[in-house]
Protein backbone atom coordinates (compact mmCIF):
# COMPACT_ATOMS: atom_id res chain seq x y z
CA MET A 1 104.85 84.35 112.04
CA GLY A 2 104.76 84.85 115.82
CA ALA A 3 103.57 82.40 118.45
CA GLN A 4 101.65 82.61 121.69
CA TRP A 5 104.01 83.74 124.42
CA ARG A 6 102.78 81.43 127.19
CA GLY A 7 100.93 78.16 127.43
CA ALA A 8 101.33 74.79 125.81
CA ALA A 9 99.64 75.62 122.52
CA LEU A 10 101.54 77.72 119.97
CA LEU A 11 99.07 79.97 118.20
CA PRO A 12 99.76 82.44 115.38
CA ARG A 13 99.67 86.11 116.33
CA ASN A 14 99.26 89.27 114.29
CA ARG A 15 102.25 91.56 114.64
CA ALA A 16 102.26 95.33 114.83
CA TRP A 17 105.20 97.64 115.38
CA CYS A 18 105.67 101.31 116.16
CA HIS A 19 107.55 103.43 113.62
CA PRO A 20 109.16 106.73 114.56
CA GLY A 21 106.96 109.67 113.60
CA LEU A 22 106.63 113.40 114.07
CA ALA A 23 103.27 114.18 115.64
CA LEU A 24 101.91 110.66 116.05
CA VAL A 25 103.46 107.24 116.52
CA ARG A 26 102.51 105.05 113.57
CA LEU A 27 101.92 101.33 113.91
CA GLY A 28 102.19 98.70 111.19
CA SER A 29 101.20 95.04 110.96
CA VAL A 30 102.98 92.30 109.09
CA GLY A 31 100.07 89.97 109.77
CA GLN A 32 96.69 90.36 108.11
CA VAL A 33 93.71 92.04 109.73
CA THR A 34 90.81 89.69 109.14
CA ASP A 35 87.34 89.09 110.49
CA THR A 36 88.57 85.90 112.14
CA ASP A 37 89.67 85.42 115.76
CA PRO A 38 93.33 84.29 115.40
CA ALA A 39 93.14 82.27 118.60
CA THR A 40 90.09 80.19 117.64
CA GLY A 41 89.68 80.57 113.90
CA THR A 42 86.03 81.52 114.35
CA ASP A 43 84.34 84.29 112.37
CA ILE A 44 83.83 87.36 114.55
CA GLY A 45 82.50 89.66 111.85
CA PRO A 46 83.81 93.09 110.87
CA ASP A 47 85.55 95.13 113.55
CA THR A 48 83.78 98.41 114.19
CA GLY A 49 85.76 99.57 117.22
CA PRO A 50 85.42 98.90 120.92
CA ASP A 51 82.27 97.24 122.16
CA THR A 52 81.56 99.64 124.99
CA ALA A 53 78.43 97.76 126.00
CA ASN A 54 80.44 94.61 126.70
CA GLN A 55 83.25 96.54 128.34
CA THR A 56 80.95 98.07 130.92
CA ALA A 57 78.86 94.95 131.54
CA PRO A 58 79.37 93.27 134.95
CA LEU A 59 82.29 90.87 134.86
CA ARG A 60 82.23 87.71 136.91
CA SER A 61 84.94 86.33 139.17
CA PRO A 62 84.60 82.77 140.55
CA GLU A 63 83.41 84.23 143.88
CA THR A 64 80.85 86.64 142.42
CA SER A 65 77.13 86.05 142.75
CA GLY A 66 74.41 87.54 140.59
CA THR A 67 72.33 88.76 143.55
CA THR A 68 71.37 92.44 143.73
CA ALA A 69 71.14 92.88 147.52
CA ALA A 70 73.78 92.99 150.25
CA TRP A 71 74.07 93.62 153.98
CA GLY A 72 76.51 93.57 156.85
CA PHE A 73 77.34 94.72 160.35
CA GLY A 74 80.10 97.31 160.33
CA LEU A 75 82.12 99.20 162.90
CA ALA A 76 81.85 102.88 161.99
CA THR A 77 84.07 105.76 163.09
CA LEU A 78 82.20 109.04 163.58
CA ASP A 79 83.71 112.47 164.16
CA ALA A 80 82.34 115.05 166.62
CA ASP A 81 79.74 116.14 164.04
CA ALA A 82 78.61 112.53 163.43
CA ASN A 83 80.22 112.43 159.99
CA VAL A 84 81.20 108.89 158.97
CA LEU A 85 84.96 108.57 158.52
CA ASP A 86 85.02 104.84 157.82
CA VAL A 87 83.05 101.62 158.27
CA TRP A 88 84.76 98.25 158.62
CA PHE A 89 82.70 95.20 157.59
CA PRO A 90 84.47 91.99 158.73
CA GLU A 91 81.89 89.73 157.04
CA PRO A 92 79.75 91.44 154.39
CA ARG A 93 77.08 89.25 152.84
CA LEU A 94 75.10 89.10 149.62
CA GLY A 95 71.35 88.55 149.66
CA THR A 96 68.67 89.54 152.13
CA ALA A 97 69.55 89.92 155.80
CA PRO A 98 67.77 87.42 158.08
CA ASP A 99 65.42 88.95 160.67
CA ASP A 100 66.98 87.10 163.61
CA TYR A 101 70.63 87.92 162.87
CA HIS A 102 72.37 90.12 165.44
CA ALA A 103 75.65 91.98 165.45
CA PRO A 104 78.58 89.81 166.63
CA SER A 105 79.38 90.47 170.29
CA ILE A 106 83.10 90.84 169.55
CA LEU A 107 82.28 93.68 167.15
CA CYS A 108 80.02 95.36 169.70
CA SER A 109 82.81 95.20 172.27
CA LEU A 110 84.76 97.68 170.14
CA GLU A 111 82.11 100.39 170.44
CA GLY A 112 82.81 103.54 172.41
CA PRO A 113 84.61 106.90 172.36
CA ASP A 114 88.25 107.49 171.52
CA ASP A 115 89.35 110.55 173.48
CA ILE A 116 92.70 110.81 171.72
CA ARG A 117 91.21 111.00 168.21
CA GLN A 118 88.00 112.68 169.39
CA VAL A 119 85.88 110.13 167.53
CA THR A 120 83.24 107.55 168.44
CA ARG A 121 83.04 103.95 167.25
CA THR A 122 79.60 102.44 166.78
CA VAL A 123 78.17 99.33 165.12
CA LEU A 124 75.89 99.87 162.12
CA HIS A 125 73.61 97.40 160.36
CA VAL A 126 73.78 98.39 156.70
CA VAL A 127 71.37 96.96 154.12
CA VAL A 128 71.51 97.61 150.38
CA ASP A 129 68.33 96.46 148.65
CA ASP A 130 69.55 97.09 145.10
CA LEU A 131 73.22 97.16 144.14
CA GLY A 132 72.15 98.44 140.73
CA ALA A 133 70.97 101.72 142.26
CA PRO A 134 73.41 104.48 143.27
CA PRO A 135 74.60 104.47 146.91
CA ARG A 136 72.33 106.45 149.17
CA ASP A 137 74.76 107.38 151.97
CA THR A 138 78.33 106.91 153.24
CA PRO A 139 77.87 103.52 155.00
CA ASP A 140 76.30 102.23 151.77
CA VAL A 141 79.47 103.19 149.87
CA TRP A 142 81.71 101.50 152.41
CA LEU A 143 79.73 98.26 152.17
CA ARG A 144 80.04 98.27 148.36
CA LEU A 145 83.81 98.81 148.55
CA HIS A 146 84.08 95.85 150.93
CA LEU A 147 82.03 93.69 148.56
CA LEU A 148 84.61 94.33 145.85
CA SER A 149 87.66 93.58 147.99
CA HIS A 150 85.99 90.50 149.53
CA ARG A 151 85.45 89.34 145.91
CA LEU A 152 81.70 89.07 146.41
CA VAL A 153 81.11 91.48 143.52
CA ALA A 154 83.37 91.90 140.50
CA PRO A 155 84.34 95.31 139.07
CA HIS A 156 81.40 96.99 137.32
CA GLY A 157 79.06 94.55 139.06
CA GLN A 158 77.33 97.29 141.05
CA ASN A 159 76.48 100.97 140.81
CA LEU A 160 79.12 103.31 142.27
CA ASP A 161 77.78 106.60 140.88
CA GLY A 162 78.36 109.59 143.14
CA ILE A 163 80.61 107.89 145.69
CA PHE A 164 83.16 110.73 145.82
CA GLY A 165 80.50 113.12 147.08
CA LEU A 166 79.53 110.70 149.85
CA LEU A 167 83.00 109.86 151.17
CA ALA A 168 84.81 112.13 153.64
CA ASN A 169 88.41 113.20 153.18
CA VAL A 170 90.24 111.45 156.02
CA VAL A 171 93.69 111.37 157.61
CA TRP A 172 94.63 107.69 157.65
CA THR A 173 96.99 106.89 160.51
CA THR A 174 98.43 103.96 162.45
CA LEU A 175 95.94 104.80 165.21
CA GLY A 176 92.96 104.81 162.87
CA PRO A 177 91.07 107.33 160.73
CA CYS A 178 91.01 110.94 161.91
CA PRO A 179 89.20 114.09 160.79
CA VAL A 180 91.33 116.48 158.75
CA GLU A 181 90.09 119.45 160.77
CA GLY A 182 91.93 119.62 164.09
CA PHE A 183 94.38 116.88 163.20
CA GLU A 184 97.41 118.71 164.61
CA LEU A 185 95.73 118.77 168.03
CA PHE A 186 95.23 115.02 167.72
CA ARG A 187 98.89 114.61 166.84
CA LEU A 188 99.80 116.60 169.97
CA ARG A 189 97.53 114.48 172.19
CA ALA A 190 98.98 111.29 170.72
CA ARG A 191 102.55 112.41 171.40
CA GLU A 192 101.63 113.51 174.90
CA ALA A 193 100.24 110.02 175.53
CA GLY A 194 103.47 108.46 174.21
CA MET A 195 101.79 106.98 171.15
CA ASP A 196 103.74 106.29 167.97
CA LEU A 197 101.74 108.04 165.25
CA GLN A 198 102.38 107.66 161.54
CA VAL A 199 100.27 109.11 158.74
CA TYR A 200 99.65 106.86 155.73
CA GLY A 201 97.93 109.52 153.68
CA VAL A 202 95.05 112.00 153.36
CA ASP A 203 92.44 110.63 151.00
CA LYS A 204 88.89 109.38 150.65
CA PHE A 205 90.00 105.76 150.19
CA PRO A 206 92.11 103.80 152.69
CA ARG A 207 94.58 101.01 152.07
CA MET A 208 92.74 97.78 151.33
CA VAL A 209 94.95 95.69 153.63
CA ASP A 210 93.76 97.67 156.67
CA TYR A 211 90.22 96.39 156.02
CA VAL A 212 90.42 93.28 153.84
CA VAL A 213 93.20 90.74 153.21
CA PRO A 214 91.87 88.37 150.52
CA ALA A 215 93.14 84.81 150.49
CA GLY A 216 95.60 83.64 147.87
CA VAL A 217 97.19 87.01 147.03
CA ARG A 218 100.54 88.68 147.64
CA ILE A 219 100.81 92.45 148.15
CA ALA A 220 104.37 93.71 148.54
CA ASP A 221 103.37 97.24 149.60
CA GLY A 222 99.99 97.83 151.21
CA ASP A 223 100.00 101.50 150.19
CA ARG A 224 99.64 100.47 146.55
CA VAL A 225 96.17 98.89 146.74
CA ARG A 226 93.06 100.91 147.54
CA LEU A 227 90.00 99.54 149.32
CA GLY A 228 87.56 98.52 146.59
CA ALA A 229 90.23 96.74 144.55
CA HIS A 230 89.30 93.23 143.38
CA LEU A 231 92.26 90.85 143.56
CA ALA A 232 91.57 87.29 142.45
CA SER A 233 93.39 84.39 144.07
CA GLY A 234 96.79 83.97 142.47
CA THR A 235 97.42 87.70 142.06
CA THR A 236 100.74 89.26 143.07
CA VAL A 237 101.06 93.04 143.37
CA MET A 238 104.72 94.00 143.54
CA HIS A 239 106.17 97.14 145.16
CA GLU A 240 105.60 99.42 142.15
CA GLY A 241 102.27 97.88 141.19
CA PHE A 242 99.05 99.76 141.91
CA VAL A 243 95.37 98.76 141.89
CA ASN A 244 92.58 101.33 142.22
CA PHE A 245 89.00 100.79 143.40
CA ASN A 246 86.44 99.07 141.13
CA ALA A 247 89.38 97.55 139.27
CA GLY A 248 91.63 94.53 139.53
CA THR A 249 92.18 90.98 138.38
CA LEU A 250 89.96 88.02 137.54
CA GLY A 251 92.64 85.32 137.85
CA THR A 252 96.35 84.68 138.24
CA SER A 253 98.31 87.85 137.44
CA MET A 254 101.62 89.56 138.20
CA VAL A 255 101.04 93.28 138.65
CA GLU A 256 104.11 95.53 138.50
CA GLY A 257 102.37 98.47 136.82
CA ARG A 258 99.22 100.52 137.30
CA ILE A 259 95.67 99.19 137.07
CA SER A 260 93.57 102.36 137.02
CA ALA A 261 90.01 102.76 138.27
CA GLY A 262 87.56 100.67 136.25
CA VAL A 263 90.21 98.51 134.55
CA VAL A 264 89.87 94.72 134.68
CA VAL A 265 92.72 92.30 133.90
CA GLY A 266 91.89 88.76 132.76
CA ASN A 267 93.31 85.47 134.01
CA GLY A 268 96.94 84.79 133.15
CA SER A 269 97.76 88.37 132.12
CA ASP A 270 100.76 90.25 133.53
CA ILE A 271 101.32 94.00 133.88
CA GLY A 272 105.03 94.85 133.57
CA GLY A 273 107.00 97.31 135.67
CA GLY A 274 105.93 100.91 135.14
CA ALA A 275 103.20 99.89 132.69
CA SER A 276 100.01 101.93 132.59
CA ILE A 277 96.39 101.18 131.74
CA MET A 278 94.23 104.24 131.20
CA GLY A 279 91.25 104.51 133.54
CA THR A 280 88.10 106.60 133.76
CA LEU A 281 89.10 109.14 136.45
CA SER A 282 91.96 111.23 135.03
CA GLY A 283 90.91 113.42 132.13
CA GLY A 284 87.23 112.65 132.52
CA GLY A 285 87.22 109.69 130.14
CA THR A 286 84.27 107.34 130.07
CA GLN A 287 85.52 104.40 127.98
CA VAL A 288 86.30 101.36 130.12
CA VAL A 289 89.52 99.57 129.21
CA SER A 290 89.92 95.84 129.82
CA ILE A 291 92.77 93.39 129.34
CA GLY A 292 91.92 89.90 128.14
CA GLU A 293 93.43 86.59 129.20
CA ARG A 294 97.09 85.56 128.73
CA CYS A 295 98.23 89.08 127.79
CA LEU A 296 101.52 90.79 128.55
CA LEU A 297 101.88 94.53 128.97
CA GLY A 298 105.62 95.10 128.86
CA ALA A 299 107.68 97.39 131.13
CA ASN A 300 106.80 101.09 130.70
CA ALA A 301 104.21 100.20 128.09
CA GLY A 302 100.64 101.41 128.15
CA VAL A 303 97.23 101.07 126.55
CA GLY A 304 94.20 103.27 126.15
CA ILE A 305 92.31 100.59 124.23
CA SER A 306 91.09 97.18 125.33
CA LEU A 307 93.12 94.10 124.53
CA GLY A 308 91.53 90.78 123.65
CA ASP A 309 93.15 87.48 124.62
CA ASP A 310 96.77 86.49 123.85
CA CYS A 311 98.07 90.00 123.16
CA VAL A 312 101.51 91.49 123.86
CA VAL A 313 102.45 95.16 124.06
CA ALA A 314 106.24 95.38 124.01
CA ALA A 315 108.21 97.42 126.52
CA GLY A 316 107.94 101.17 126.03
CA CYS A 317 105.14 101.01 123.47
CA TYR A 318 102.14 103.17 124.42
CA ILE A 319 98.92 102.80 122.43
CA THR A 320 96.11 105.30 122.90
CA ALA A 321 92.72 105.20 121.21
CA GLY A 322 93.83 107.85 118.72
CA THR A 323 97.17 106.27 117.81
CA LYS A 324 97.41 105.80 114.03
CA LEU A 325 97.85 102.26 112.76
CA THR A 326 99.26 101.42 109.34
CA LEU A 327 97.47 98.31 108.12
CA PRO A 328 99.03 95.69 105.81
CA ASP A 329 97.33 97.21 102.76
CA GLY A 330 98.87 100.61 103.56
CA SER A 331 95.67 102.18 104.85
CA VAL A 332 95.69 104.04 108.15
CA ALA A 333 93.27 103.43 111.01
CA LYS A 334 93.04 104.52 114.62
CA ALA A 335 93.86 102.06 117.40
CA ARG A 336 90.31 102.14 118.73
CA GLU A 337 89.31 100.15 115.63
CA LEU A 338 91.39 97.20 116.93
CA SER A 339 90.16 97.58 120.51
CA GLY A 340 89.21 94.24 122.03
CA GLN A 341 90.72 92.11 119.25
CA SER A 342 92.78 89.04 120.22
CA GLY A 343 96.18 87.79 119.12
CA TRP A 344 98.03 91.07 118.49
CA LEU A 345 101.69 91.82 119.18
CA TYR A 346 102.66 95.50 119.32
CA TRP A 347 106.23 96.81 119.44
CA GLN A 348 108.17 99.93 118.57
CA ASN A 349 111.03 100.09 116.07
CA SER A 350 114.15 102.08 116.88
CA VAL A 351 115.87 104.32 114.36
């Protein structure tokens, strides 16, 4: 019988392994599938598949408040047509904005035109009365992304419906955000002025570290974390790790694989090199995948189902919702029926 892979207590774990197959990888368990949580011994009732209601419910980090309103003063970059390219909120707040609060003078000092980029910087006072309602405009979206990366709101703790239609596609450079249209003229003006210009990317989301650097985290490569990622204190994102928006960690974690949009990783769980967690963007999927506490997703492994606490997916073992599982009694079930269960160890047999 296996044992918990980290921590002082040694707890029994169900084992499952991958057998070579033709069309589908088959999994088997040498432990018993019961209606009891193997970590606590408590009765959890029959497993009927993933609890999508719980998976999409707002998750709480230690910094997250339950308030539904937010506000902040932000420095916005506008193109020649007054389209918002970005908004930087140094100190976003939750709750209702006080009537007598004014924009910081140091932020106002940054207002004005930029003749090289052909943009204008202006200070905006953005107020969101209900974070449960969809964003109404582009500055609203930018404030919500800052709330996530400032750890004021946890992933799935606010409504982000329709944000792609509100965000502009932007050229992100060392000199700041630029419109895509006419960028080569900007590049020419920058070189003429002797400016060192580098392009980070062309996207709707910038690098988080250019807007927010949360305390207590390590990020080896700033290109690998998008604004809107939620990184709890104690998180390390290594060079090949990646964290998308509205996703991230709720505690101490080592991230060397990909945390896709919408995915949340619990305290004490590690994502191995090249590992993958299926999100909700690619392929149009809607099921939210979460990783519980004290889990290990091995190198080049992957999951398309949620893991409970104290689970291990061995290196190279990829489990999708439709993967067939061979249960101890010889019956076959799909992996989604074990979604969210704790105490499982998955690995793949060689031939």
